[in-house]
Every structure is written in C-alpha cells, then in structure tokens.
Amino acid sequence: MYEGALQDLVEEFGRLPGIGPKSAQRMAFHILQADTADVDALAHALREVKRRVRFCDTCGNVAEDATCVICKDERRDRTMICVVEEPKDVLAVERTREYRGLYHVLGGSIDPMAGIGPDDLRIKDLLPRLQSGDVQEVVIATDPNLEGEATATYLIRLLGSVGLTVSRLASGLPVGGDLEYADEVTLGRAFEGRRSVS
C-alpha cells in the first residue's frame, strides 16, 4: 500500500462504519490534496465534537448540554414517547414533521449474535419516564429488521402491563415500489397494516 502517515490515514478512515478500502483511499487522497485551512477546520470539528457533544441525560439523544433541545422544548407533546434505536433515528423521524412528542434512544437493538441483550440498552432508563403520569402512549420505532423486531417484541411485552397505549410504526410497501419486487415479509406486513379508505 502506502507508507507512513498516508497509510495511517487510509487505515483510520477504513475503520469508520460503511467505509471500505477504496473509499478510505479516496478520502485520504482528498485530505492530501485539500487546502491546509480546510484540513485544519476538519480536525477542529473532530476535536470539538468529542469535547462538546454528549448524550442527553433524559432521552439519550445527542446534546451539548445535560438535556437535548427536544427535551427542553416546552411545545413538545409530553404525552408521547417515541422509542428509537440510535440518535440518527430521531433526525429521521423529525424530518417527517408528523411527530411532535418526546423520544427515548435505546443506543442499539437486541442482537444475541453480537452479545447485546436488553440490559445493554437504555431500556431501564425508559421505565421511570413512564411513571411520571404524563405519558399516555409509547411509539416503538425500531428498525424493521431481525434485531429491531426482537427489540420491539421485548418492549411490547415489557410495556404491556404498564397501562399505556403501545404502538408500533406501520411497515410495508415503500411509495414508488413494485409489488413484484416486494419480499413476502414486507408484503405480509402491508396486508396486516392495511386501512379502510371508504
């Protein structure tokens, strides 16, 4: 490969999730050819995010204070908590502009193959939030994959006795998709989640 600092940079980029060897190499050469000021700005941003950004004490979302901006916002509907796997999922839900409640970030999903169980997630931090008396509904918005489904099933069983409405995001066919390309699980979910239009 390369020698010295360039190879070190390629290897560091390669350790990032979703970055393969070729992408790591392209990124390293981009840095090599970039202006020094741009590289310094990137290095500064990396140092600052590690120094200033943390996780919200209440919900687990990213924050620069002990409490994130969503938890601080008094206009949010405090009767609903949407449970997601990662902070990036909060942003995905917020982009819809359909949900105005609070969040709870689990920090992952149940994955027995990777040795991640319920005790490794922020599930125990959710329960005290539900005992405040304000929350009426918990929306489970975990990923529609094997780990997300296992997590959702665990949460539904756990929260079934709490006396709150527990809902799960609908799943099924994507807008613009073709029936012939849908797998049987996705198509089955679309039938389960169908609704009356007349």
C-alpha atoms as a PDB file:
ATOM      1  CA  MET A   1       0.000   0.000   0.000  1.00  0.00           C
ATOM      2  CA  TYR A   2       1.366   3.385   1.009  1.00  0.00           C
ATOM      3  CA  GLU A   3       3.897   4.294   3.608  1.00  0.00           C
ATOM      4  CA  GLY A   4       3.869   6.303   6.778  1.00  0.00           C
ATOM      5  CA  ALA A   5       1.257   8.931   7.520  1.00  0.00           C
ATOM      6  CA  LEU A   6      -0.773   8.377   4.347  1.00  0.00           C
ATOM      7  CA  GLN A   7      -1.202   4.670   5.091  1.00  0.00           C
ATOM      8  CA  ASP A   8      -2.123   5.503   8.692  1.00  0.00           C
ATOM      9  CA  LEU A   9      -4.810   7.896   7.420  1.00  0.00           C
ATOM     10  CA  VAL A  10      -6.199   5.305   4.978  1.00  0.00           C
ATOM     11  CA  GLU A  11      -6.390   2.763   7.809  1.00  0.00           C
ATOM     12  CA  GLU A  12      -8.123   5.220  10.158  1.00  0.00           C
ATOM     13  CA  PHE A  13     -10.729   6.110   7.533  1.00  0.00           C
ATOM     14  CA  GLY A  14     -11.189   2.391   6.854  1.00  0.00           C
ATOM     15  CA  ARG A  15     -12.181   1.859  10.491  1.00  0.00           C
ATOM     16  CA  LEU A  16     -15.242   4.089  10.042  1.00  0.00           C
ATOM     17  CA  PRO A  17     -18.571   2.264   9.533  1.00  0.00           C
ATOM     18  CA  GLY A  18     -19.589   1.903   5.901  1.00  0.00           C
ATOM     19  CA  ILE A  19     -16.173   2.909   4.575  1.00  0.00           C
ATOM     20  CA  GLY A  20     -14.429   0.263   2.516  1.00  0.00           C
ATOM     21  CA  PRO A  21     -10.768   0.244   1.413  1.00  0.00           C
ATOM     22  CA  LYS A  22     -11.374   2.193  -1.814  1.00  0.00           C
ATOM     23  CA  SER A  23     -13.482   4.860  -0.105  1.00  0.00           C
ATOM     24  CA  ALA A  24     -10.845   5.184   2.626  1.00  0.00           C
ATOM     25  CA  GLN A  25      -8.171   5.658  -0.001  1.00  0.00           C
ATOM     26  CA  ARG A  26     -10.250   8.312  -1.846  1.00  0.00           C
ATOM     27  CA  MET A  27     -10.855  10.188   1.393  1.00  0.00           C
ATOM     28  CA  ALA A  28      -7.180  10.099   2.326  1.00  0.00           C
ATOM     29  CA  PHE A  29      -6.151  11.464  -1.079  1.00  0.00           C
ATOM     30  CA  HIS A  30      -8.830  14.159  -0.817  1.00  0.00           C
ATOM     31  CA  ILE A  31      -7.304  15.258   2.505  1.00  0.00           C
ATOM     32  CA  LEU A  32      -3.823  15.140   0.978  1.00  0.00           C
ATOM     33  CA  GLN A  33      -4.888  17.464  -1.848  1.00  0.00           C
ATOM     34  CA  ALA A  34      -7.095  19.792   0.220  1.00  0.00           C
ATOM     35  CA  ASP A  35      -6.077  23.236   1.425  1.00  0.00           C
ATOM     36  CA  THR A  36      -4.413  23.277   4.840  1.00  0.00           C
ATOM     37  CA  ALA A  37      -7.175  25.550   6.162  1.00  0.00           C
ATOM     38  CA  ASP A  38      -9.841  23.008   5.166  1.00  0.00           C
ATOM     39  CA  VAL A  39      -7.931  20.172   6.829  1.00  0.00           C
ATOM     40  CA  ASP A  40      -7.457  22.275   9.967  1.00  0.00           C
ATOM     41  CA  ALA A  41     -11.214  23.025  10.020  1.00  0.00           C
ATOM     42  CA  LEU A  42     -11.980  19.300   9.759  1.00  0.00           C
ATOM     43  CA  ALA A  43      -9.509  18.444  12.532  1.00  0.00           C
ATOM     44  CA  HIS A  44     -11.004  21.195  14.710  1.00  0.00           C
ATOM     45  CA  ALA A  45     -14.559  19.920  14.097  1.00  0.00           C
ATOM     46  CA  LEU A  46     -13.497  16.383  15.060  1.00  0.00           C
ATOM     47  CA  ARG A  47     -11.866  17.581  18.283  1.00  0.00           C
ATOM     48  CA  GLU A  48     -14.850  19.788  19.161  1.00  0.00           C
ATOM     49  CA  VAL A  49     -17.438  17.046  18.649  1.00  0.00           C
ATOM     50  CA  LYS A  50     -15.511  14.784  21.026  1.00  0.00           C
ATOM     51  CA  ARG A  51     -15.086  17.609  23.547  1.00  0.00           C
ATOM     52  CA  ARG A  52     -18.579  19.132  23.485  1.00  0.00           C
ATOM     53  CA  VAL A  53     -21.142  16.568  22.314  1.00  0.00           C
ATOM     54  CA  ARG A  54     -22.613  14.063  24.740  1.00  0.00           C
ATOM     55  CA  PHE A  55     -25.844  12.150  25.172  1.00  0.00           C
ATOM     56  CA  CYS A  56     -28.929  13.678  26.776  1.00  0.00           C
ATOM     57  CA  ASP A  57     -29.399  12.539  30.382  1.00  0.00           C
ATOM     58  CA  THR A  58     -33.146  12.222  29.801  1.00  0.00           C
ATOM     59  CA  CYS A  59     -33.607  10.614  26.378  1.00  0.00           C
ATOM     60  CA  GLY A  60     -30.158   9.586  25.103  1.00  0.00           C
ATOM     61  CA  ASN A  61     -30.213  11.869  22.045  1.00  0.00           C
ATOM     62  CA  VAL A  62     -27.098  13.868  21.160  1.00  0.00           C
ATOM     63  CA  ALA A  63     -26.750  17.121  23.062  1.00  0.00           C
ATOM     64  CA  GLU A  64     -24.235  19.765  24.043  1.00  0.00           C
ATOM     65  CA  ASP A  65     -25.832  20.191  27.476  1.00  0.00           C
ATOM     66  CA  ALA A  66     -27.156  17.711  30.001  1.00  0.00           C
ATOM     67  CA  THR A  67     -30.538  17.917  28.219  1.00  0.00           C
ATOM     68  CA  CYS A  68     -31.090  17.961  24.441  1.00  0.00           C
ATOM     69  CA  VAL A  69     -33.071  20.637  22.600  1.00  0.00           C
ATOM     70  CA  ILE A  70     -36.074  18.332  22.093  1.00  0.00           C
ATOM     71  CA  CYS A  71     -36.403  17.509  25.802  1.00  0.00           C
ATOM     72  CA  LYS A  72     -36.046  21.215  26.640  1.00  0.00           C
ATOM     73  CA  ASP A  73     -38.736  22.286  24.147  1.00  0.00           C
ATOM     74  CA  GLU A  74     -41.899  23.011  26.162  1.00  0.00           C
ATOM     75  CA  ARG A  75     -44.001  22.911  22.971  1.00  0.00           C
ATOM     76  CA  ARG A  76     -43.413  19.161  22.538  1.00  0.00           C
ATOM     77  CA  ASP A  77     -46.271  16.769  23.298  1.00  0.00           C
ATOM     78  CA  ARG A  78     -45.222  15.208  26.610  1.00  0.00           C
ATOM     79  CA  THR A  79     -47.920  12.539  26.463  1.00  0.00           C
ATOM     80  CA  MET A  80     -45.981  10.584  23.795  1.00  0.00           C
ATOM     81  CA  ILE A  81     -42.538   8.977  23.731  1.00  0.00           C
ATOM     82  CA  CYS A  82     -41.132   7.543  20.522  1.00  0.00           C
ATOM     83  CA  VAL A  83     -38.564   4.791  21.186  1.00  0.00           C
ATOM     84  CA  VAL A  84     -35.777   4.601  18.579  1.00  0.00           C
ATOM     85  CA  GLU A  85     -32.521   2.691  18.336  1.00  0.00           C
ATOM     86  CA  GLU A  86     -29.995   5.468  17.612  1.00  0.00           C
ATOM     87  CA  PRO A  87     -29.796   9.291  17.690  1.00  0.00           C
ATOM     88  CA  LYS A  88     -29.774   9.331  13.886  1.00  0.00           C
ATOM     89  CA  ASP A  89     -33.267   7.808  14.012  1.00  0.00           C
ATOM     90  CA  VAL A  90     -34.509  10.889  15.905  1.00  0.00           C
ATOM     91  CA  LEU A  91     -33.450  13.020  12.945  1.00  0.00           C
ATOM     92  CA  ALA A  92     -35.209  10.670  10.507  1.00  0.00           C
ATOM     93  CA  VAL A  93     -38.491  10.916  12.459  1.00  0.00           C
ATOM     94  CA  GLU A  94     -38.137  14.696  12.858  1.00  0.00           C
ATOM     95  CA  ARG A  95     -37.741  15.116   9.092  1.00  0.00           C
ATOM     96  CA  THR A  96     -41.271  13.751   8.606  1.00  0.00           C
ATOM     97  CA  ARG A  97     -42.717  16.702  10.586  1.00  0.00           C
ATOM     98  CA  GLU A  98     -45.503  14.312  11.677  1.00  0.00           C
ATOM     99  CA  TYR A  99     -44.389  13.621  15.236  1.00  0.00           C
ATOM    100  CA  ARG A 100     -44.265  16.291  17.962  1.00  0.00           C
ATOM    101  CA  GLY A 101     -43.695  14.183  21.085  1.00  0.00           C
ATOM    102  CA  LEU A 102     -40.565  13.221  23.009  1.00  0.00           C
ATOM    103  CA  TYR A 103     -38.021  10.487  22.293  1.00  0.00           C
ATOM    104  CA  HIS A 104     -36.130   7.717  24.015  1.00  0.00           C
ATOM    105  CA  VAL A 105     -32.937   6.456  22.354  1.00  0.00           C
ATOM    106  CA  LEU A 106     -32.033   2.873  23.248  1.00  0.00           C
ATOM    107  CA  GLY A 107     -28.444   3.021  21.997  1.00  0.00           C
ATOM    108  CA  GLY A 108     -28.849  -0.019  19.754  1.00  0.00           C
ATOM    109  CA  SER A 109     -31.025  -3.088  19.434  1.00  0.00           C
ATOM    110  CA  ILE A 110     -31.188  -6.565  20.906  1.00  0.00           C
ATOM    111  CA  ASP A 111     -28.740  -8.750  18.988  1.00  0.00           C
ATOM    112  CA  PRO A 112     -27.941 -12.093  20.636  1.00  0.00           C
ATOM    113  CA  MET A 113     -25.408 -12.928  17.897  1.00  0.00           C
ATOM    114  CA  ALA A 114     -23.389  -9.850  18.899  1.00  0.00           C
ATOM    115  CA  GLY A 115     -23.950 -10.467  22.611  1.00  0.00           C
ATOM    116  CA  ILE A 116     -26.291  -7.465  23.027  1.00  0.00           C
ATOM    117  CA  GLY A 117     -29.216  -8.100  25.352  1.00  0.00           C
ATOM    118  CA  PRO A 118     -31.885  -5.872  26.906  1.00  0.00           C
ATOM    119  CA  ASP A 119     -29.596  -4.953  29.817  1.00  0.00           C
ATOM    120  CA  ASP A 120     -27.080  -3.468  27.353  1.00  0.00           C
ATOM    121  CA  LEU A 121     -29.631  -0.943  26.090  1.00  0.00           C
ATOM    122  CA  ARG A 122     -31.216   2.088  27.756  1.00  0.00           C
ATOM    123  CA  ILE A 123     -34.467   0.211  28.425  1.00  0.00           C
ATOM    124  CA  LYS A 124     -34.149   0.546  32.204  1.00  0.00           C
ATOM    125  CA  ASP A 125     -33.932   4.340  31.758  1.00  0.00           C
ATOM    126  CA  LEU A 126     -37.277   4.359  29.913  1.00  0.00           C
ATOM    127  CA  LEU A 127     -39.390   2.883  32.700  1.00  0.00           C
ATOM    128  CA  PRO A 128     -39.027   5.790  35.204  1.00  0.00           C
ATOM    129  CA  ARG A 129     -40.048   8.221  32.455  1.00  0.00           C
ATOM    130  CA  LEU A 130     -43.307   6.307  32.022  1.00  0.00           C
ATOM    131  CA  GLN A 131     -44.161   6.517  35.709  1.00  0.00           C
ATOM    132  CA  SER A 132     -44.446  10.313  35.704  1.00  0.00           C
ATOM    133  CA  GLY A 133     -48.126  10.075  34.802  1.00  0.00           C
ATOM    134  CA  ASP A 134     -47.805  12.394  31.802  1.00  0.00           C
ATOM    135  CA  VAL A 135     -47.045   9.746  29.179  1.00  0.00           C
ATOM    136  CA  GLN A 136     -50.066   8.084  27.579  1.00  0.00           C
ATOM    137  CA  GLU A 137     -48.523   6.423  24.511  1.00  0.00           C
ATOM    138  CA  VAL A 138     -45.219   4.807  23.637  1.00  0.00           C
ATOM    139  CA  VAL A 139     -44.481   4.559  19.907  1.00  0.00           C
ATOM    140  CA  ILE A 140     -41.943   1.844  19.104  1.00  0.00           C
ATOM    141  CA  ALA A 141     -39.934   2.880  16.048  1.00  0.00           C
ATOM    142  CA  THR A 142     -37.169   0.292  15.877  1.00  0.00           C
ATOM    143  CA  ASP A 143     -35.780  -0.830  12.518  1.00  0.00           C
ATOM    144  CA  PRO A 144     -37.830  -3.397  10.568  1.00  0.00           C
ATOM    145  CA  ASN A 145     -35.024  -5.966  10.637  1.00  0.00           C
ATOM    146  CA  LEU A 146     -34.435  -9.043  12.795  1.00  0.00           C
ATOM    147  CA  GLU A 147     -32.763  -7.111  15.638  1.00  0.00           C
ATOM    148  CA  GLY A 148     -35.305  -4.282  15.531  1.00  0.00           C
ATOM    149  CA  GLU A 149     -38.181  -6.745  15.600  1.00  0.00           C
ATOM    150  CA  ALA A 150     -36.647  -8.598  18.568  1.00  0.00           C
ATOM    151  CA  THR A 151     -36.286  -5.285  20.388  1.00  0.00           C
ATOM    152  CA  ALA A 152     -39.851  -4.245  19.570  1.00  0.00           C
ATOM    153  CA  THR A 153     -41.229  -7.604  20.731  1.00  0.00           C
ATOM    154  CA  TYR A 154     -39.317  -7.317  24.010  1.00  0.00           C
ATOM    155  CA  LEU A 155     -40.587  -3.768  24.589  1.00  0.00           C
ATOM    156  CA  ILE A 156     -44.193  -4.674  23.753  1.00  0.00           C
ATOM    157  CA  ARG A 157     -44.112  -7.499  26.305  1.00  0.00           C
ATOM    158  CA  LEU A 158     -42.413  -5.331  28.909  1.00  0.00           C
ATOM    159  CA  LEU A 159     -44.753  -2.373  28.469  1.00  0.00           C
ATOM    160  CA  GLY A 160     -47.937  -4.440  28.131  1.00  0.00           C
ATOM    161  CA  SER A 161     -48.542  -4.328  31.872  1.00  0.00           C
ATOM    162  CA  VAL A 162     -47.758  -0.633  32.364  1.00  0.00           C
ATOM    163  CA  GLY A 163     -51.240   0.535  31.335  1.00  0.00           C
ATOM    164  CA  LEU A 164     -50.196   2.777  28.442  1.00  0.00           C
ATOM    165  CA  THR A 165     -51.021   2.642  24.758  1.00  0.00           C
ATOM    166  CA  VAL A 166     -48.122   0.932  22.996  1.00  0.00           C
ATOM    167  CA  SER A 167     -47.990   1.323  19.218  1.00  0.00           C
ATOM    168  CA  ARG A 168     -45.544   0.236  16.529  1.00  0.00           C
ATOM    169  CA  LEU A 169     -44.764   2.125  13.344  1.00  0.00           C
ATOM    170  CA  ALA A 170     -46.528   0.648  10.348  1.00  0.00           C
ATOM    171  CA  SER A 171     -44.360  -1.137   7.831  1.00  0.00           C
ATOM    172  CA  GLY A 172     -44.994  -2.409   4.354  1.00  0.00           C
ATOM    173  CA  LEU A 173     -44.546  -1.323   0.769  1.00  0.00           C
ATOM    174  CA  PRO A 174     -42.494   1.790   0.053  1.00  0.00           C
ATOM    175  CA  VAL A 175     -44.029   4.579  -2.000  1.00  0.00           C
ATOM    176  CA  GLY A 176     -42.964   4.078  -5.605  1.00  0.00           C
ATOM    177  CA  GLY A 177     -42.218   0.372  -5.099  1.00  0.00           C
ATOM    178  CA  ASP A 178     -43.485  -2.522  -7.223  1.00  0.00           C
ATOM    179  CA  LEU A 179     -45.403  -5.473  -5.767  1.00  0.00           C
ATOM    180  CA  GLU A 180     -43.396  -7.953  -7.804  1.00  0.00           C
ATOM    181  CA  TYR A 181     -40.155  -6.892  -6.071  1.00  0.00           C
ATOM    182  CA  ALA A 182     -41.524  -6.951  -2.517  1.00  0.00           C
ATOM    183  CA  ASP A 183     -40.433  -9.853  -0.340  1.00  0.00           C
ATOM    184  CA  GLU A 184     -43.119 -11.923   1.379  1.00  0.00           C
ATOM    185  CA  VAL A 185     -42.466 -10.425   4.838  1.00  0.00           C
ATOM    186  CA  THR A 186     -42.828  -6.849   3.572  1.00  0.00           C
ATOM    187  CA  LEU A 187     -45.939  -7.723   1.577  1.00  0.00           C
ATOM    188  CA  GLY A 188     -47.400  -9.567   4.580  1.00  0.00           C
ATOM    189  CA  ARG A 189     -46.811  -6.505   6.774  1.00  0.00           C
ATOM    190  CA  ALA A 190     -48.503  -4.325   4.175  1.00  0.00           C
ATOM    191  CA  PHE A 191     -51.605  -6.537   4.374  1.00  0.00           C
ATOM    192  CA  GLU A 192     -51.553  -6.511   8.182  1.00  0.00           C
ATOM    193  CA  GLY A 193     -51.287  -2.728   8.262  1.00  0.00           C
ATOM    194  CA  ARG A 194     -53.922  -2.042   5.619  1.00  0.00           C
ATOM    195  CA  ARG A 195     -56.574   0.568   6.406  1.00  0.00           C
ATOM    196  CA  SER A 196     -60.018   1.348   5.119  1.00  0.00           C
ATOM    197  CA  VAL A 197     -60.284   4.101   2.517  1.00  0.00           C
ATOM    198  CA  SER A 198     -64.069   4.252   2.206  1.00  0.00           C
END
